[in-house]
């Protein structure tokens, strides 16, 4: 590895297994995404890269001019399973995506109509996050006087459907110009994917070390949250009274320390102790499954990254080979039990968004 961080830019894609492209593409267009390039792999090629013996066609969805936070729809000839489907975020190996929206109740209204029409929808009513308490280092930590002070806050709304698992956030009385860019021309006025959510079970921080020590992300927050102090997570994660969980925020190398310089494309990781006995979601949130099955990140030197992963103890490493878009890539399982796809960044990406 060089002294430069291996990671290039923010979280590149959320990969979603789909039975066909049409309906998922229409769904994500409501959030501002637009169809981009298509690619394909034979069953033998997909077996070599993803460990799935099935032909694959993929469609990348772009969002405005975002250089990260995209979506890769993956249509397998023979999916391995139906995925996690409509269950809450809670689970070992659970994945979801986060976006900023202009109005969470606008999305909730659509979810209510969908449920009324018989669609399988699970949602969690909007939760209130007082940022002066949640992140006092950035937002001051001064107690807010109700009906006297401006409240700097986020409302978070969770909506889960068979092929989508979304945490949607609405800002109040603050902005972060690089933390998600909302497309106000879209039906549901949303940003690109601003963060990838991951939940796992472990009894120490050790599995998270991969993301700063090997991938080169910035570990900007580690927070222990007891049940009585939980805000949005109490409902979103179905917390049990007395339960403690730990959250980790990793940001891309360009992200700065304050509200004007921090960037989207983050990883938000949530660890539970083994005593919490989370259901194991890994087989249904990995390549070949329908629904959220993979995250991707671009790196500066893909062969060096593969060696670093092997040296760190990652397992199931594929060879470096062309993915369905012709980009040199490899997959592996990181110490937290998640499968990743790491891609070689282009020269233009390294020059334009590398540090």
Protein backbone atom coordinates (compact mmCIF):
# COMPACT_ATOMS: atom_id res chain seq x y z
CA UNK A 1 0.00 0.00 0.00
CA UNK A 2 1.06 3.62 -0.49
CA UNK A 3 0.75 6.39 2.08
CA UNK A 4 -2.37 7.54 0.28
CA UNK A 5 -5.66 6.02 1.47
CA UNK A 6 -6.66 3.00 -0.62
CA UNK A 7 -10.33 4.08 -0.76
CA UNK A 8 -11.39 6.40 -3.55
CA UNK A 9 -14.50 8.51 -2.92
CA UNK A 10 -17.51 7.44 -0.89
CA UNK A 11 -19.57 4.26 -0.86
CA UNK A 12 -19.96 3.62 -4.57
CA UNK A 13 -23.04 1.43 -4.92
CA UNK A 14 -25.77 -0.40 -3.11
CA UNK A 15 -26.38 -3.62 -5.05
CA UNK A 16 -29.93 -4.96 -5.18
CA UNK A 17 -30.94 -8.36 -6.53
CA UNK A 18 -34.08 -8.02 -8.67
CA UNK A 19 -36.30 -10.41 -10.66
CA UNK A 20 -36.54 -7.85 -13.49
CA UNK A 21 -35.40 -4.28 -14.12
CA UNK A 22 -38.65 -2.48 -14.94
CA UNK A 23 -40.46 -2.16 -11.61
CA UNK A 24 -37.34 -1.51 -9.46
CA UNK A 25 -36.08 1.07 -11.95
CA UNK A 26 -39.44 2.89 -11.84
CA UNK A 27 -39.39 2.79 -8.03
CA UNK A 28 -35.95 4.35 -7.74
CA UNK A 29 -36.76 6.96 -10.38
CA UNK A 30 -39.25 8.37 -7.87
CA UNK A 31 -36.21 9.12 -5.66
CA UNK A 32 -34.29 10.80 -8.47
CA UNK A 33 -32.29 7.89 -9.91
CA UNK A 34 -31.92 7.43 -13.65
CA UNK A 35 -30.84 4.40 -15.70
CA UNK A 36 -27.23 4.20 -16.82
CA UNK A 37 -25.04 1.48 -18.32
CA UNK A 38 -25.85 -2.21 -18.46
CA UNK A 39 -23.49 -5.16 -18.22
CA UNK A 40 -23.54 -8.95 -18.03
CA UNK A 41 -21.57 -11.99 -16.89
CA UNK A 42 -21.90 -15.62 -17.87
CA UNK A 43 -22.65 -18.16 -15.15
CA UNK A 44 -18.99 -19.21 -15.08
CA UNK A 45 -17.81 -15.62 -14.74
CA UNK A 46 -20.37 -14.85 -12.02
CA UNK A 47 -19.29 -17.99 -10.15
CA UNK A 48 -15.66 -16.84 -10.25
CA UNK A 49 -16.38 -13.30 -9.04
CA UNK A 50 -19.50 -13.58 -6.88
CA UNK A 51 -19.60 -17.28 -6.00
CA UNK A 52 -23.01 -17.59 -7.70
CA UNK A 53 -23.40 -20.10 -10.53
CA UNK A 54 -25.89 -18.06 -12.51
CA UNK A 55 -25.88 -15.73 -15.47
CA UNK A 56 -26.13 -12.09 -14.43
CA UNK A 57 -27.31 -8.85 -15.99
CA UNK A 58 -26.80 -5.58 -14.14
CA UNK A 59 -28.07 -2.03 -14.55
CA UNK A 60 -26.43 0.93 -12.83
CA UNK A 61 -28.66 3.80 -11.68
CA UNK A 62 -27.18 7.29 -11.44
CA UNK A 63 -28.38 10.25 -9.36
CA UNK A 64 -27.84 13.75 -10.77
CA UNK A 65 -24.04 14.16 -11.05
CA UNK A 66 -23.18 12.20 -7.89
CA UNK A 67 -19.83 10.38 -7.91
CA UNK A 68 -20.99 7.93 -5.24
CA UNK A 69 -24.16 6.58 -3.65
CA UNK A 70 -25.37 4.87 -6.83
CA UNK A 71 -27.45 1.71 -7.23
CA UNK A 72 -26.60 -1.49 -9.10
CA UNK A 73 -29.63 -3.61 -9.96
CA UNK A 74 -28.52 -7.24 -10.34
CA UNK A 75 -30.81 -9.64 -12.23
CA UNK A 76 -29.75 -13.27 -11.79
CA UNK A 77 -30.94 -15.99 -14.14
CA UNK A 78 -31.30 -18.23 -11.06
CA UNK A 79 -31.47 -16.26 -7.78
CA UNK A 80 -30.32 -18.19 -4.72
CA UNK A 81 -33.21 -17.02 -2.53
CA UNK A 82 -35.84 -14.31 -2.10
CA UNK A 83 -33.64 -12.25 0.22
CA UNK A 84 -34.39 -10.81 3.63
CA UNK A 85 -37.70 -9.39 2.36
CA UNK A 86 -40.00 -7.38 4.63
CA UNK A 87 -38.38 -7.71 8.05
CA UNK A 88 -36.90 -4.97 10.29
CA UNK A 89 -33.27 -3.86 10.13
CA UNK A 90 -32.38 -5.92 13.20
CA UNK A 91 -30.22 -8.90 12.25
CA UNK A 92 -26.64 -10.14 11.92
CA UNK A 93 -25.62 -9.31 8.35
CA UNK A 94 -28.47 -6.85 7.78
CA UNK A 95 -27.94 -4.11 5.17
CA UNK A 96 -29.89 -0.96 4.35
CA UNK A 97 -29.42 2.43 2.71
CA UNK A 98 -29.82 5.98 3.98
CA UNK A 99 -30.95 9.04 2.00
CA UNK A 100 -31.92 12.59 2.78
CA UNK A 101 -35.35 13.67 1.63
CA UNK A 102 -37.10 17.00 1.58
CA UNK A 103 -40.20 15.66 3.35
CA UNK A 104 -40.40 12.27 5.04
CA UNK A 105 -44.17 12.50 5.44
CA UNK A 106 -44.44 12.74 1.66
CA UNK A 107 -42.81 9.29 1.43
CA UNK A 108 -44.86 7.99 4.35
CA UNK A 109 -48.05 8.98 2.53
CA UNK A 110 -47.02 6.81 -0.43
CA UNK A 111 -46.24 3.93 1.93
CA UNK A 112 -49.69 4.29 3.52
CA UNK A 113 -51.41 4.13 0.12
CA UNK A 114 -49.25 1.16 -0.90
CA UNK A 115 -50.23 -0.71 2.28
CA UNK A 116 -53.89 0.14 1.70
CA UNK A 117 -53.57 -1.36 -1.78
CA UNK A 118 -52.15 -4.59 -0.43
CA UNK A 119 -48.43 -4.02 -1.01
CA UNK A 120 -46.06 -5.65 1.51
CA UNK A 121 -44.70 -2.65 3.42
CA UNK A 122 -43.17 -2.38 6.88
CA UNK A 123 -42.43 1.09 8.20
CA UNK A 124 -41.46 2.75 11.47
CA UNK A 125 -43.02 6.14 12.28
CA UNK A 126 -40.61 9.08 12.11
CA UNK A 127 -38.25 9.32 15.07
CA UNK A 128 -36.83 12.53 16.52
CA UNK A 129 -33.04 12.97 16.85
CA UNK A 130 -31.91 16.05 18.79
CA UNK A 131 -28.49 16.67 17.24
CA UNK A 132 -27.27 18.83 20.11
CA UNK A 133 -27.51 15.69 22.27
CA UNK A 134 -26.62 13.08 19.66
CA UNK A 135 -23.52 14.86 18.31
CA UNK A 136 -22.55 17.57 20.84
CA UNK A 137 -19.06 17.97 19.35
CA UNK A 138 -20.55 19.30 16.10
CA UNK A 139 -23.80 20.85 17.28
CA UNK A 140 -22.77 22.41 20.58
CA UNK A 141 -24.43 20.19 23.14
CA UNK A 142 -26.29 23.13 24.67
CA UNK A 143 -29.69 22.13 26.07
CA UNK A 144 -32.48 23.35 23.83
CA UNK A 145 -35.33 25.39 25.33
CA UNK A 146 -38.63 24.26 23.79
CA UNK A 147 -40.66 27.00 22.11
CA UNK A 148 -37.75 29.41 22.58
CA UNK A 149 -34.75 28.09 20.61
CA UNK A 150 -34.34 26.76 17.11
CA UNK A 151 -34.05 23.00 17.32
CA UNK A 152 -31.32 21.46 15.18
CA UNK A 153 -32.62 18.00 14.49
CA UNK A 154 -33.24 15.12 12.13
CA UNK A 155 -36.39 13.09 11.71
CA UNK A 156 -35.75 9.53 10.53
CA UNK A 157 -38.34 7.34 8.83
CA UNK A 158 -37.80 3.67 8.03
CA UNK A 159 -39.62 2.00 5.15
CA UNK A 160 -38.96 -1.61 4.12
CA UNK A 161 -40.31 -3.45 1.10
CA UNK A 162 -39.28 -6.77 -0.52
CA UNK A 163 -36.54 -5.14 -2.63
CA UNK A 164 -35.78 -1.93 -0.70
CA UNK A 165 -34.62 -1.21 2.85
CA UNK A 166 -34.45 2.55 3.42
CA UNK A 167 -33.73 4.93 6.26
CA UNK A 168 -34.93 8.36 5.13
CA UNK A 169 -33.84 11.51 6.94
CA UNK A 170 -35.21 15.05 6.94
CA UNK A 171 -33.08 17.92 8.26
CA UNK A 172 -34.35 20.77 10.44
CA UNK A 173 -32.55 24.11 10.89
CA UNK A 174 -29.22 23.05 9.43
CA UNK A 175 -27.68 21.91 6.17
CA UNK A 176 -24.55 20.06 5.08
CA UNK A 177 -23.96 20.95 1.46
CA UNK A 178 -21.81 17.89 0.71
CA UNK A 179 -23.85 15.43 2.77
CA UNK A 180 -26.33 14.32 0.11
CA UNK A 181 -27.66 16.38 -2.80
CA UNK A 182 -31.47 16.34 -3.07
CA UNK A 183 -33.08 16.23 -6.51
CA UNK A 184 -36.04 18.57 -6.11
CA UNK A 185 -37.40 17.57 -9.52
CA UNK A 186 -37.98 13.97 -8.39
CA UNK A 187 -41.36 12.81 -7.18
CA UNK A 188 -40.06 12.11 -3.68
CA UNK A 189 -37.28 14.75 -3.62
CA UNK A 190 -34.39 12.64 -2.39
CA UNK A 191 -30.60 12.54 -2.43
CA UNK A 192 -28.32 9.83 -3.72
CA UNK A 193 -27.48 7.11 -1.21
CA UNK A 194 -25.86 9.06 1.62
CA UNK A 195 -24.82 6.07 3.70
CA UNK A 196 -24.83 2.32 3.81
CA UNK A 197 -26.14 0.76 7.00
CA UNK A 198 -24.73 -2.49 8.38
CA UNK A 199 -25.54 -4.47 11.53
CA UNK A 200 -23.55 -7.32 13.00
CA UNK A 201 -22.93 -9.26 16.18
CA UNK A 202 -19.55 -9.20 17.92
CA UNK A 203 -18.24 -8.77 21.43
CA UNK A 204 -15.50 -6.28 20.57
CA UNK A 205 -14.70 -3.44 18.15
CA UNK A 206 -12.11 -5.58 16.35
CA UNK A 207 -14.15 -6.40 13.20
CA UNK A 208 -14.55 -2.68 12.45
CA UNK A 209 -10.77 -2.14 12.27
CA UNK A 210 -10.78 -3.27 8.64
CA UNK A 211 -12.48 -0.08 7.47
CA UNK A 212 -9.86 2.39 8.68
CA UNK A 213 -6.75 0.18 8.88
CA UNK A 214 -7.16 -1.53 5.49
CA UNK A 215 -9.68 0.42 3.39
CA UNK A 216 -8.45 3.78 4.67
CA UNK A 217 -11.72 5.37 5.75
CA UNK A 218 -11.99 7.94 8.53
CA UNK A 219 -13.37 6.64 11.80
CA UNK A 220 -15.14 9.77 13.02
CA UNK A 221 -17.50 8.51 15.70
CA UNK A 222 -17.87 5.56 18.01
CA UNK A 223 -20.84 5.71 20.33
CA UNK A 224 -22.17 3.35 22.97
CA UNK A 225 -25.93 3.66 23.33
CA UNK A 226 -27.92 2.13 26.14
CA UNK A 227 -31.60 1.43 25.72
CA UNK A 228 -32.67 4.41 27.82
CA UNK A 229 -30.53 6.82 25.73
CA UNK A 230 -31.57 5.46 22.32
CA UNK A 231 -33.39 7.82 19.94
CA UNK A 232 -34.29 6.63 16.44
CA UNK A 233 -32.58 3.28 16.98
CA UNK A 234 -35.03 2.18 19.68
CA UNK A 235 -37.85 1.72 17.19
CA UNK A 236 -35.80 1.14 14.02
CA UNK A 237 -33.78 -1.69 15.61
CA UNK A 238 -36.53 -3.16 17.82
CA UNK A 239 -34.34 -2.67 20.88
CA UNK A 240 -35.02 -4.78 23.93
CA UNK A 241 -35.26 -2.92 27.21
CA UNK A 242 -31.85 -2.92 28.88
CA UNK A 243 -30.02 -3.63 25.61
CA UNK A 244 -26.86 -1.75 24.60
CA UNK A 245 -25.52 -1.30 21.09
CA UNK A 246 -22.52 0.45 19.57
CA UNK A 247 -22.48 2.65 16.45
CA UNK A 248 -19.49 3.44 14.23
CA UNK A 249 -19.34 6.14 11.58
CA UNK A 250 -16.75 5.82 8.81
CA UNK A 251 -16.34 8.57 6.22
CA UNK A 252 -14.51 8.73 2.92
CA UNK A 253 -10.98 10.16 2.83
CA UNK A 254 -12.02 13.62 1.52
CA UNK A 255 -14.59 14.21 4.26
CA UNK A 256 -13.82 17.09 6.60
CA UNK A 257 -14.42 17.72 10.30
CA UNK A 258 -17.30 20.18 10.21
CA UNK A 259 -20.76 20.64 8.79
CA UNK A 260 -19.57 22.31 5.60
CA UNK A 261 -16.87 19.78 4.72
CA UNK A 262 -18.21 16.39 5.79
CA UNK A 263 -19.39 14.26 2.90
CA UNK A 264 -21.94 11.60 2.18
CA UNK A 265 -20.97 8.12 1.07
CA UNK A 266 -20.49 6.94 4.65
CA UNK A 267 -20.69 3.60 6.38
CA UNK A 268 -22.84 3.51 9.50
CA UNK A 269 -22.17 0.27 11.37
CA UNK A 270 -24.09 -1.00 14.37
CA UNK A 271 -22.70 -3.70 16.65
CA UNK A 272 -24.67 -5.79 19.09
CA UNK A 273 -23.24 -8.15 21.69
CA UNK A 274 -23.66 -11.88 21.15
CA UNK A 275 -26.08 -11.92 24.08
CA UNK A 276 -28.55 -9.99 21.90
CA UNK A 277 -28.97 -13.13 19.74
CA UNK A 278 -29.75 -11.38 16.46
CA UNK A 279 -31.22 -13.47 13.66
CA UNK A 280 -28.61 -14.42 11.05
CA UNK A 281 -29.40 -12.56 7.80
CA UNK A 282 -26.12 -13.21 5.96
CA UNK A 283 -27.25 -15.84 3.46
CA UNK A 284 -30.15 -13.65 2.39
CA UNK A 285 -28.16 -10.41 2.11
CA UNK A 286 -25.28 -11.68 -0.05
CA UNK A 287 -24.74 -11.94 -3.83
CA UNK A 288 -27.31 -14.13 -5.53
CA UNK A 289 -30.11 -13.09 -3.17
CA UNK A 290 -32.93 -10.75 -4.10
CA UNK A 291 -32.95 -7.42 -2.32
CA UNK A 292 -29.93 -5.69 -0.75
CA UNK A 293 -27.06 -8.09 -1.33
CA UNK A 294 -23.76 -6.21 -1.68
CA UNK A 295 -21.95 -2.87 -1.26
CA UNK A 296 -19.11 -1.70 -3.53
CA UNK A 297 -16.17 0.64 -3.01
CA UNK A 298 -13.55 1.89 -5.44
CA UNK A 299 -9.87 1.58 -4.54
CA UNK A 300 -6.61 3.04 -5.78
CA UNK A 301 -4.81 -0.25 -6.50
CA UNK A 302 -7.07 -3.28 -6.69
CA UNK A 303 -4.30 -5.91 -6.60
CA UNK A 304 -2.67 -4.26 -3.57
CA UNK A 305 -6.06 -4.05 -1.91
CA UNK A 306 -6.64 -7.76 -2.45
CA UNK A 307 -3.30 -8.57 -0.82
CA UNK A 308 -4.07 -6.27 2.10
CA UNK A 309 -7.42 -7.99 2.59
CA UNK A 310 -5.77 -11.40 2.59
CA UNK A 311 -3.10 -10.25 5.05
CA UNK A 312 -5.78 -8.84 7.37
CA UNK A 313 -7.65 -12.14 7.50
CA UNK A 314 -10.49 -11.57 5.04
CA UNK A 315 -11.85 -14.82 3.61
CA UNK A 316 -13.38 -16.07 0.38
CA UNK A 317 -11.24 -13.85 -1.82
CA UNK A 318 -11.95 -14.12 -5.53
CA UNK A 319 -9.32 -13.47 -8.15
CA UNK A 320 -9.16 -9.98 -9.61
CA UNK A 321 -11.25 -10.06 -12.77
CA UNK A 322 -13.56 -7.89 -14.87
CA UNK A 323 -17.02 -7.40 -13.38
CA UNK A 324 -20.13 -7.04 -15.51
CA UNK A 325 -19.15 -3.44 -16.38
CA UNK A 326 -15.62 -4.42 -17.38
CA UNK A 327 -14.01 -3.01 -14.21
CA UNK A 328 -11.25 -5.01 -12.53
CA UNK A 329 -12.71 -6.11 -9.21
CA UNK A 330 -12.67 -8.80 -6.53
CA UNK A 331 -14.96 -9.92 -3.74
CA UNK A 332 -14.15 -11.02 -0.21
CA UNK A 333 -15.74 -11.45 3.19
CA UNK A 334 -14.52 -8.93 5.75
CA UNK A 335 -14.10 -9.75 9.48
CA UNK A 336 -17.63 -8.53 10.26
CA UNK A 337 -18.99 -11.28 7.94
CA UNK A 338 -20.08 -8.94 5.12
CA UNK A 339 -19.23 -9.65 1.48
CA UNK A 340 -17.79 -6.66 -0.41
CA UNK A 341 -16.89 -5.89 -4.01
CA UNK A 342 -13.78 -3.72 -4.35
CA UNK A 343 -13.29 -2.08 -7.76
CA UNK A 344 -10.30 -0.50 -9.46
CA UNK A 345 -10.90 3.24 -9.69
CA UNK A 346 -10.28 4.80 -13.08
CA UNK A 347 -7.45 7.25 -13.63
CA UNK A 348 -10.03 10.05 -13.87
CA UNK A 349 -11.59 8.99 -10.55
CA UNK A 350 -8.22 8.82 -8.83
CA UNK A 351 -7.32 12.25 -10.14
CA UNK A 352 -10.73 13.83 -9.54
CA UNK A 353 -11.91 12.37 -6.23
CA UNK A 354 -8.81 10.71 -4.74
CA UNK A 355 -6.87 12.38 -1.94
